[in-house]
Amino acid sequence: MPDIILALKTRKIDAGFTSDTIAEFLANRDSELALFPQNLGYTPLGFGFSKGDKRRDEWQAAFDKIPEETRKAIYRKWIGTDESVKQIPEQNWAGTNGIIRIATVDSFEPMSYVGKGGKLFGYDIEIVLLIAKELDVHVEFTPMDLSAELSALASGKVDMICGSIVITPERRKAMDFVEYHKAAYVLIVRSTEKTVAVASFWDGIKESIEKTFIQDERYKTFIEGIATTLIITVLAILLGTLLGFVVFWFCKDGNKFANTISGFFIWLIQGMPVVVLLMILYYIIFANVALSSTAIAVVAFSLVFGGGVFGMLKLGVGAIDKGQTEAALALGYSDVRLFFRIILPQAIPLIIPTYKAECVALLKVTAIVGYIAVQDLTKMGDIIRARTYEAFFPLIAVAVIYFILGGLFTFVIRIIETGINPRKRKKENILKEVLSDD
């Protein structure tokens, strides 16, 4: 929807196709937009359960108990413009009937979206909580994209999905639904009846900064995204480096079995797009394992980075003259001492430039973790963009932050490089504790 609205306002398109709930909310909030005065048919919206899940009937019965007036009041609250009344009830009931895991769309205002403090808000969220209270169950929400929701339900990662999900004949074959709202298909267009005051350039900039960073304390959203991105990147670098080194150690002496196995897995991992590897791990390999999305992302990127480190070590060590190995062995050096005292110190300066580039590349490639419901920096930018319906500031902010983080990684690795490369160290540091007047 943010892309549709931006295209509509910039006259790249003449109309956007959506549900009346979304369209009415947008028209209420933005005087530049209006509903085309004719709907194009109706569709039921539903909460999805796996096919044959008996909880579906319980949830439908509990929803049917909610008075019609209560449902209408909740609907009017969320499509209105009064933000002060848009609150979500706390889960203060006992929850004696356990916990239900629910995936919901993270950026589909007013139905389901991440708002102030990283909490979930919206019409769907409040209806779900009303039903949960009636059934005395606690809800664990996981915000994600719609496509990820469908896969998460199919793989058993979650028990139910919600977030303005249209019930189609094809979807009915794969899952059962609690029908909770009847929506109309409509067109949203540019308004022709209202005159919109054009703000000055600087006023527009100020308003955009306010909406992107200040309103609802959205700067905290960026900070949370940065923290998640750094956690995934740093852990993947550390674990990937360790993994690559261990694999290289077993393969360095020409062990055929180790080389065959490692060669196959590195070929497999490096031969597929990282996003595909990420989703295979999340939806298939770890589908029934109690690992968080962030942990799975760390595993995926550690595998990718480990493969790169293995290749770097192979090239770096291979560049060292074999005569040094023969000389060290002739002097009685053990294999371990030979490697760590003679070969590796010479190979590391050859590896560091590539290693530095791979670290920065890994930082940037983590931007895809939103596919498995990880709210990293890029995903947080998308969530804010979905709230503000502006592309410039959220995207520029994300780009600038990635530039800063990339520079920080380069700076840290450069310090390490200076410390281990004799050619870049100061003379007094090289000769430290060396007796030069003997």
Protein backbone atom coordinates (compact mmCIF):
# COMPACT_ATOMS: atom_id res chain seq x y z
CA MET A 1 0.00 0.00 0.00
CA PRO A 2 2.74 2.59 0.66
CA ASP A 3 4.03 2.08 -2.89
CA ILE A 4 0.50 2.36 -4.32
CA ILE A 5 -0.23 5.58 -2.42
CA LEU A 6 3.10 7.12 -3.41
CA ALA A 7 2.48 6.23 -7.06
CA LEU A 8 -1.05 7.67 -6.81
CA LYS A 9 0.12 10.96 -5.29
CA THR A 10 2.92 11.37 -7.84
CA ARG A 11 0.45 10.60 -10.68
CA LYS A 12 2.23 7.47 -11.84
CA ILE A 13 -1.13 5.69 -11.53
CA ASP A 14 -4.72 6.93 -11.47
CA ALA A 15 -6.20 4.52 -8.92
CA GLY A 16 -5.22 1.93 -6.35
CA PHE A 17 -7.10 -1.35 -5.75
CA THR A 18 -7.72 -2.31 -2.11
CA SER A 19 -10.34 -3.12 0.51
CA ASP A 20 -12.82 -0.51 1.70
CA THR A 21 -11.34 -0.70 5.22
CA ILE A 22 -7.89 0.38 4.06
CA ALA A 23 -9.28 2.91 1.60
CA GLU A 24 -11.62 4.51 4.14
CA PHE A 25 -8.82 4.78 6.68
CA LEU A 26 -6.48 6.42 4.13
CA ALA A 27 -9.17 8.84 2.92
CA ASN A 28 -9.94 9.85 6.52
CA ARG A 29 -6.28 10.54 7.20
CA ASP A 30 -5.24 12.20 3.93
CA SER A 31 -7.37 14.84 2.20
CA GLU A 32 -5.54 14.20 -1.09
CA LEU A 33 -7.21 10.78 -1.33
CA ALA A 34 -10.80 9.69 -1.86
CA LEU A 35 -12.85 6.53 -2.46
CA PHE A 36 -14.22 5.91 -5.91
CA PRO A 37 -18.02 5.86 -5.35
CA GLN A 38 -18.62 2.25 -6.41
CA ASN A 39 -17.43 -1.03 -4.97
CA LEU A 40 -16.28 -3.90 -7.16
CA GLY A 41 -17.57 -6.82 -5.13
CA TYR A 42 -17.20 -8.23 -1.63
CA THR A 43 -14.75 -10.57 0.04
CA PRO A 44 -14.64 -12.20 3.49
CA LEU A 45 -11.57 -11.66 5.65
CA GLY A 46 -10.46 -14.38 8.03
CA PHE A 47 -8.06 -15.73 10.60
CA GLY A 48 -6.39 -18.82 9.16
CA PHE A 49 -5.83 -22.18 10.90
CA SER A 50 -4.22 -25.32 9.51
CA LYS A 51 -6.69 -27.62 7.76
CA GLY A 52 -8.61 -29.68 10.29
CA ASP A 53 -7.45 -27.72 13.36
CA LYS A 54 -10.29 -28.05 15.90
CA ARG A 55 -9.42 -24.70 17.47
CA ARG A 56 -10.93 -22.99 14.45
CA ASP A 57 -14.48 -23.91 15.57
CA GLU A 58 -13.77 -22.64 19.12
CA TRP A 59 -12.49 -19.32 17.79
CA GLN A 60 -15.42 -18.92 15.40
CA ALA A 61 -17.90 -19.59 18.23
CA ALA A 62 -16.11 -17.10 20.49
CA PHE A 63 -16.11 -14.45 17.76
CA ASP A 64 -19.82 -14.94 17.15
CA LYS A 65 -20.45 -14.09 20.82
CA ILE A 66 -19.02 -10.58 20.37
CA PRO A 67 -22.01 -8.19 20.00
CA GLU A 68 -22.43 -6.58 16.59
CA GLU A 69 -22.31 -3.12 18.14
CA THR A 70 -18.98 -3.90 19.77
CA ARG A 71 -17.51 -5.03 16.47
CA LYS A 72 -18.74 -1.87 14.71
CA ALA A 73 -17.35 0.34 17.47
CA ILE A 74 -13.93 -1.33 17.20
CA TYR A 75 -14.01 -0.95 13.41
CA ARG A 76 -14.88 2.77 13.63
CA LYS A 77 -12.12 3.31 16.18
CA TRP A 78 -9.39 1.91 13.94
CA ILE A 79 -10.40 3.58 10.68
CA GLY A 80 -10.81 6.94 12.40
CA THR A 81 -8.20 9.65 12.88
CA ASP A 82 -8.27 9.93 16.69
CA GLU A 83 -4.98 8.27 17.65
CA SER A 84 -5.59 8.73 21.38
CA VAL A 85 -8.29 6.02 21.43
CA LYS A 86 -6.25 3.48 19.47
CA GLN A 87 -5.14 1.31 22.36
CA ILE A 88 -4.80 -2.46 22.65
CA PRO A 89 -6.04 -4.29 25.78
CA GLU A 90 -3.39 -5.89 27.96
CA GLN A 91 -3.39 -9.70 28.28
CA ASN A 92 -4.30 -9.61 31.97
CA TRP A 93 -6.41 -12.77 32.00
CA ALA A 94 -5.16 -16.03 33.51
CA GLY A 95 -4.48 -17.90 30.26
CA THR A 96 -5.38 -21.25 31.81
CA ASN A 97 -5.95 -22.81 28.38
CA GLY A 98 -2.40 -22.27 27.22
CA ILE A 99 -0.73 -20.19 24.53
CA ILE A 100 -1.52 -19.78 20.85
CA ARG A 101 1.20 -18.61 18.44
CA ILE A 102 -0.15 -16.15 15.89
CA ALA A 103 1.64 -14.63 12.90
CA THR A 104 0.30 -11.27 11.80
CA VAL A 105 1.09 -8.74 9.09
CA ASP A 106 3.45 -6.09 10.44
CA SER A 107 2.65 -3.09 8.21
CA PHE A 108 -1.01 -3.10 7.18
CA GLU A 109 -2.58 -0.17 9.00
CA PRO A 110 -5.31 -0.07 10.32
CA MET A 111 -5.76 -3.87 10.37
CA SER A 112 -2.43 -4.99 11.85
CA TYR A 113 0.74 -2.97 12.22
CA VAL A 114 3.75 -2.29 14.43
CA GLY A 115 3.26 1.00 16.27
CA LYS A 116 4.68 2.93 19.20
CA GLY A 117 7.12 0.99 21.35
CA GLY A 118 7.30 -1.85 18.83
CA LYS A 119 3.85 -3.07 19.90
CA LEU A 120 1.22 -4.46 17.56
CA PHE A 121 -1.92 -2.41 16.97
CA GLY A 122 -4.95 -2.64 14.72
CA TYR A 123 -8.48 -3.86 14.21
CA ASP A 124 -7.42 -7.49 13.72
CA ILE A 125 -5.22 -7.43 16.83
CA GLU A 126 -8.02 -6.18 19.07
CA ILE A 127 -10.52 -8.73 17.71
CA VAL A 128 -7.98 -11.54 18.27
CA LEU A 129 -7.42 -10.43 21.86
CA LEU A 130 -11.15 -10.25 22.56
CA ILE A 131 -11.52 -13.85 21.37
CA ALA A 132 -8.43 -14.94 23.32
CA LYS A 133 -9.89 -13.43 26.48
CA GLU A 134 -13.16 -15.29 25.94
CA LEU A 135 -11.24 -18.57 25.47
CA ASP A 136 -8.77 -17.74 28.27
CA VAL A 137 -5.66 -18.28 26.16
CA HIS A 138 -2.59 -16.10 25.88
CA VAL A 139 -1.40 -14.93 22.48
CA GLU A 140 2.19 -14.82 21.23
CA PHE A 141 2.25 -12.53 18.18
CA THR A 142 4.98 -12.73 15.54
CA PRO A 143 4.89 -9.86 13.01
CA MET A 144 5.91 -10.78 9.45
CA ASP A 145 5.03 -10.37 5.76
CA LEU A 146 1.89 -12.01 4.41
CA SER A 147 3.82 -14.45 2.21
CA ALA A 148 5.91 -15.46 5.23
CA GLU A 149 2.72 -15.93 7.27
CA LEU A 150 1.34 -18.50 4.86
CA SER A 151 4.61 -20.44 4.86
CA ALA A 152 4.90 -20.23 8.66
CA LEU A 153 1.43 -21.76 9.09
CA ALA A 154 2.12 -24.51 6.57
CA SER A 155 5.41 -25.42 8.29
CA GLY A 156 3.91 -25.41 11.79
CA LYS A 157 5.91 -22.40 13.01
CA VAL A 158 2.65 -20.75 14.11
CA ASP A 159 -0.86 -21.95 15.01
CA MET A 160 -2.85 -19.17 13.35
CA ILE A 161 -2.38 -16.23 10.98
CA CYS A 162 -4.19 -12.90 10.77
CA GLY A 163 -3.87 -9.46 9.23
CA SER A 164 -6.59 -8.68 6.65
CA ILE A 165 -6.24 -12.08 4.98
CA VAL A 166 -8.62 -12.49 2.06
CA ILE A 167 -10.39 -15.85 2.00
CA THR A 168 -10.08 -17.30 -1.49
CA PRO A 169 -11.19 -20.72 -2.84
CA GLU A 170 -7.53 -21.74 -3.23
CA ARG A 171 -6.71 -20.79 0.36
CA ARG A 172 -9.76 -22.68 1.64
CA LYS A 173 -8.22 -25.85 0.23
CA ALA A 174 -5.11 -25.38 2.38
CA MET A 175 -6.54 -23.95 5.61
CA ASP A 176 -9.68 -23.28 7.63
CA PHE A 177 -10.83 -19.76 8.46
CA VAL A 178 -12.59 -17.83 11.20
CA GLU A 179 -14.61 -15.29 9.21
CA TYR A 180 -14.65 -11.99 11.08
CA HIS A 181 -15.21 -9.20 8.54
CA LYS A 182 -16.82 -8.66 5.15
CA ALA A 183 -14.85 -6.19 3.07
CA ALA A 184 -15.59 -4.59 -0.28
CA TYR A 185 -13.12 -4.20 -3.13
CA VAL A 186 -12.79 -0.52 -3.98
CA LEU A 187 -10.61 1.93 -5.85
CA ILE A 188 -8.83 4.72 -4.04
CA VAL A 189 -8.15 7.79 -6.18
CA ARG A 190 -6.90 11.35 -5.92
CA SER A 191 -9.42 13.75 -4.46
CA THR A 192 -10.98 16.31 -6.81
CA GLU A 193 -13.16 18.07 -4.27
CA LYS A 194 -10.59 19.21 -1.70
CA THR A 195 -7.91 21.79 -2.15
CA VAL A 196 -4.70 20.76 -0.49
CA ALA A 197 -2.42 23.48 0.80
CA VAL A 198 1.08 23.10 -0.60
CA ALA A 199 3.69 23.32 2.13
CA SER A 200 7.00 25.08 1.55
CA PHE A 201 10.06 22.95 0.87
CA TRP A 202 11.53 23.37 4.36
CA ASP A 203 8.16 22.85 6.03
CA GLY A 204 7.81 19.61 4.07
CA ILE A 205 11.27 18.50 5.18
CA LYS A 206 10.48 19.32 8.79
CA GLU A 207 7.18 17.43 8.63
CA SER A 208 8.85 14.38 7.07
CA ILE A 209 11.56 14.31 9.75
CA GLU A 210 8.87 14.61 12.41
CA LYS A 211 6.87 11.70 10.98
CA THR A 212 9.90 9.49 10.33
CA PHE A 213 11.85 9.93 13.56
CA ILE A 214 9.91 11.81 16.25
CA GLN A 215 6.26 10.77 16.01
CA ASP A 216 5.48 7.71 18.15
CA GLU A 217 9.19 7.71 19.11
CA ARG A 218 10.08 6.06 15.81
CA TYR A 219 13.77 6.73 16.33
CA LYS A 220 13.59 3.89 18.86
CA THR A 221 12.37 1.63 16.06
CA PHE A 222 15.52 2.43 14.09
CA ILE A 223 17.68 1.78 17.16
CA GLU A 224 16.05 -1.64 17.67
CA GLY A 225 16.65 -2.47 14.01
CA ILE A 226 20.31 -1.43 14.24
CA ALA A 227 20.79 -3.59 17.35
CA THR A 228 19.29 -6.64 15.62
CA THR A 229 21.39 -6.10 12.49
CA LEU A 230 24.59 -5.76 14.54
CA ILE A 231 23.82 -8.85 16.64
CA ILE A 232 23.26 -10.99 13.55
CA THR A 233 26.29 -9.61 11.71
CA VAL A 234 28.80 -9.79 14.58
CA LEU A 235 27.75 -13.29 15.67
CA ALA A 236 27.79 -14.53 12.07
CA ILE A 237 31.31 -13.11 11.56
CA LEU A 238 32.65 -14.72 14.75
CA LEU A 239 30.97 -18.09 14.25
CA GLY A 240 31.61 -18.09 10.50
CA THR A 241 35.30 -17.35 11.04
CA LEU A 242 35.56 -20.18 13.56
CA LEU A 243 33.64 -22.57 11.30
CA GLY A 244 35.74 -21.71 8.24
CA PHE A 245 38.97 -22.16 10.19
CA VAL A 246 37.92 -25.52 11.66
CA VAL A 247 36.90 -26.86 8.25
CA PHE A 248 40.16 -25.63 6.72
CA TRP A 249 42.18 -27.29 9.52
CA PHE A 250 40.69 -30.69 8.75
CA CYS A 251 41.16 -30.21 5.01
CA LYS A 252 44.62 -28.61 4.86
CA ASP A 253 46.60 -31.87 4.84
CA GLY A 254 44.70 -33.29 1.88
CA ASN A 255 42.24 -35.53 3.76
CA LYS A 256 40.07 -36.81 0.89
CA PHE A 257 36.98 -37.48 2.98
CA ALA A 258 37.07 -34.06 4.69
CA ASN A 259 37.75 -32.28 1.40
CA THR A 260 34.92 -34.10 -0.38
CA ILE A 261 32.33 -33.40 2.34
CA SER A 262 33.37 -29.78 2.88
CA GLY A 263 33.62 -29.15 -0.86
CA PHE A 264 30.09 -30.44 -1.41
CA PHE A 265 28.55 -28.32 1.37
CA ILE A 266 30.43 -25.17 0.37
CA TRP A 267 29.35 -25.70 -3.24
CA LEU A 268 25.76 -26.16 -2.06
CA ILE A 269 25.70 -23.10 0.22
CA GLN A 270 27.51 -20.77 -2.16
CA GLY A 271 25.53 -22.00 -5.15
CA MET A 272 22.12 -20.83 -3.92
CA PRO A 273 20.83 -17.33 -3.17
CA VAL A 274 21.22 -16.47 0.51
CA VAL A 275 17.52 -15.67 0.85
CA VAL A 276 16.65 -19.18 -0.36
CA LEU A 277 19.09 -20.72 2.14
CA LEU A 278 17.52 -18.57 4.86
CA MET A 279 14.00 -19.75 4.08
CA ILE A 280 15.03 -23.41 3.74
CA LEU A 281 16.56 -23.28 7.22
CA TYR A 282 13.56 -21.46 8.70
CA TYR A 283 10.65 -23.28 7.05
CA ILE A 284 12.13 -26.76 6.51
CA ILE A 285 15.26 -27.72 8.46
CA PHE A 286 14.37 -25.86 11.69
CA ALA A 287 10.60 -25.91 11.18
CA ASN A 288 9.96 -27.94 14.33
CA VAL A 289 12.90 -26.67 16.38
CA ALA A 290 12.44 -24.04 19.08
CA LEU A 291 14.94 -21.58 17.61
CA SER A 292 14.16 -17.90 17.23
CA SER A 293 14.20 -16.26 13.81
CA THR A 294 17.29 -14.29 14.82
CA ALA A 295 19.16 -17.46 15.80
CA ILE A 296 18.29 -19.10 12.48
CA ALA A 297 19.51 -16.00 10.64
CA VAL A 298 22.82 -16.24 12.53
CA VAL A 299 23.15 -19.91 11.53
CA ALA A 300 22.47 -19.09 7.86
CA PHE A 301 24.94 -16.23 7.64
CA SER A 302 27.55 -18.15 9.64
CA LEU A 303 27.40 -20.91 7.04
CA VAL A 304 27.76 -18.40 4.20
CA PHE A 305 30.58 -16.49 5.88
CA GLY A 306 32.31 -19.72 6.93
CA GLY A 307 32.44 -20.83 3.31
CA GLY A 308 34.08 -17.53 2.41
CA VAL A 309 36.63 -17.80 5.21
CA PHE A 310 37.52 -21.33 4.09
CA GLY A 311 38.23 -20.04 0.59
CA MET A 312 40.29 -17.13 1.92
CA LEU A 313 42.43 -19.39 4.09
CA LYS A 314 42.97 -21.81 1.24
CA LEU A 315 44.25 -19.02 -1.02
CA GLY A 316 46.25 -17.25 1.70
CA VAL A 317 48.02 -20.35 2.99
CA GLY A 318 48.53 -21.60 -0.55
CA ALA A 319 50.47 -18.42 -1.36
CA ILE A 320 53.15 -19.21 1.26
CA ASP A 321 56.22 -20.88 -0.20
CA LYS A 322 56.33 -24.63 0.58
CA GLY A 323 60.02 -24.38 1.31
CA GLN A 324 59.19 -22.71 4.63
CA THR A 325 57.14 -25.73 5.67
CA GLU A 326 59.95 -28.10 4.75
CA ALA A 327 62.51 -26.00 6.61
CA ALA A 328 60.37 -25.80 9.75
CA LEU A 329 59.74 -29.54 9.77
CA ALA A 330 63.47 -30.14 9.31
CA LEU A 331 64.10 -27.98 12.39
CA GLY A 332 61.74 -30.17 14.42
CA TYR A 333 58.61 -27.97 14.47
CA SER A 334 55.37 -29.83 15.14
CA ASP A 335 52.54 -29.50 12.63
CA VAL A 336 50.52 -27.25 14.96
CA ARG A 337 53.47 -25.03 15.88
CA LEU A 338 54.50 -24.80 12.22
CA PHE A 339 51.06 -23.62 11.20
CA PHE A 340 50.46 -21.07 13.96
CA ARG A 341 54.00 -19.69 14.27
CA ILE A 342 55.14 -19.58 10.64
CA ILE A 343 52.40 -20.14 8.04
CA LEU A 344 49.33 -18.39 9.51
CA PRO A 345 51.09 -15.11 10.50
CA GLN A 346 52.25 -14.72 6.89
CA ALA A 347 48.88 -15.71 5.42
CA ILE A 348 46.73 -13.35 7.52
CA PRO A 349 48.02 -10.09 5.93
CA LEU A 350 47.15 -11.58 2.54
CA ILE A 351 43.66 -12.51 3.74
CA ILE A 352 42.69 -9.36 5.67
CA PRO A 353 41.71 -7.11 2.69
CA THR A 354 39.29 -9.75 1.38
CA TYR A 355 38.08 -10.52 4.91
CA LYS A 356 37.32 -6.83 5.47
CA ALA A 357 35.28 -6.63 2.27
CA GLU A 358 33.40 -9.83 3.18
CA CYS A 359 32.45 -8.42 6.61
CA VAL A 360 30.95 -5.29 5.05
CA ALA A 361 29.19 -7.40 2.40
CA LEU A 362 27.73 -9.61 5.13
CA LEU A 363 26.41 -6.54 6.97
CA LYS A 364 24.56 -5.45 3.85
CA VAL A 365 23.22 -8.88 2.90
CA THR A 366 21.54 -9.21 6.32
CA ALA A 367 18.91 -6.83 4.92
CA ILE A 368 17.00 -9.91 3.69
CA VAL A 369 16.25 -11.32 7.16
CA GLY A 370 12.78 -9.75 7.06
CA TYR A 371 11.75 -12.78 4.98
CA ILE A 372 11.80 -14.88 8.16
CA ALA A 373 10.16 -12.33 10.49
CA VAL A 374 13.34 -10.73 11.85
CA GLN A 375 12.89 -7.02 12.43
CA ASP A 376 16.28 -5.72 11.39
CA LEU A 377 17.22 -2.23 10.21
CA THR A 378 15.78 -2.65 6.70
CA LYS A 379 12.55 -4.17 7.99
CA MET A 380 12.12 -1.38 10.52
CA GLY A 381 12.54 1.13 7.70
CA ASP A 382 9.79 -0.65 5.74
CA ILE A 383 7.49 -0.62 8.78
CA ILE A 384 7.97 3.13 9.23
CA ARG A 385 7.48 3.71 5.50
CA ALA A 386 4.20 1.80 5.74
CA ARG A 387 3.07 4.12 8.56
CA THR A 388 4.16 7.45 7.01
CA TYR A 389 3.45 6.61 3.34
CA GLU A 390 6.67 8.39 2.49
CA ALA A 391 9.62 6.72 0.81
CA PHE A 392 12.38 9.33 0.89
CA PHE A 393 13.28 9.75 4.54
CA PRO A 394 12.87 6.13 5.73
CA LEU A 395 14.93 4.80 2.81
CA ILE A 396 17.60 7.51 3.03
CA ALA A 397 17.86 6.99 6.79
CA VAL A 398 18.38 3.25 6.32
CA ALA A 399 20.98 3.85 3.59
CA VAL A 400 22.92 6.35 5.70
CA ILE A 401 22.92 4.04 8.73
CA TYR A 402 24.26 1.16 6.61
CA PHE A 403 27.03 3.46 5.33
CA ILE A 404 27.96 4.37 8.92
CA LEU A 405 27.91 0.75 10.11
CA GLY A 406 29.97 -0.34 7.10
CA GLY A 407 32.53 2.36 7.87
CA LEU A 408 32.63 1.27 11.51
CA PHE A 409 33.32 -2.35 10.54
CA THR A 410 36.05 -1.24 8.12
CA PHE A 411 37.64 0.93 10.83
CA VAL A 412 37.70 -1.87 13.40
CA ILE A 413 39.18 -4.41 10.97
CA ARG A 414 41.77 -1.84 9.84
CA ILE A 415 42.94 -1.49 13.45
CA ILE A 416 43.26 -5.28 13.67
CA GLU A 417 45.11 -5.32 10.35
CA THR A 418 47.59 -2.71 11.59
CA GLY A 419 48.23 -4.74 14.74
CA ILE A 420 49.10 -7.96 12.92
CA ASN A 421 50.86 -6.68 9.78
CA PRO A 422 54.53 -5.85 10.51
CA ARG A 423 54.69 -3.51 7.54
CA LYS A 424 51.94 -1.31 9.05
CA ARG A 425 53.16 -1.37 12.65
CA LYS A 426 55.36 1.26 14.21
CA LYS A 427 59.02 0.37 14.70
CA GLU A 428 58.88 0.80 18.49
CA ASN A 429 55.93 -1.64 18.71
CA ILE A 430 57.74 -4.24 16.62
CA LEU A 431 60.90 -4.00 18.77
CA LYS A 432 59.00 -3.91 22.06
CA GLU A 433 60.71 -6.15 24.70
CA VAL A 434 63.50 -6.95 22.19
CA LEU A 435 67.03 -6.42 23.55
CA SER A 436 68.76 -4.31 20.90
CA ASP A 437 71.94 -3.42 22.81
CA ASP A 438 73.17 -6.95 23.54
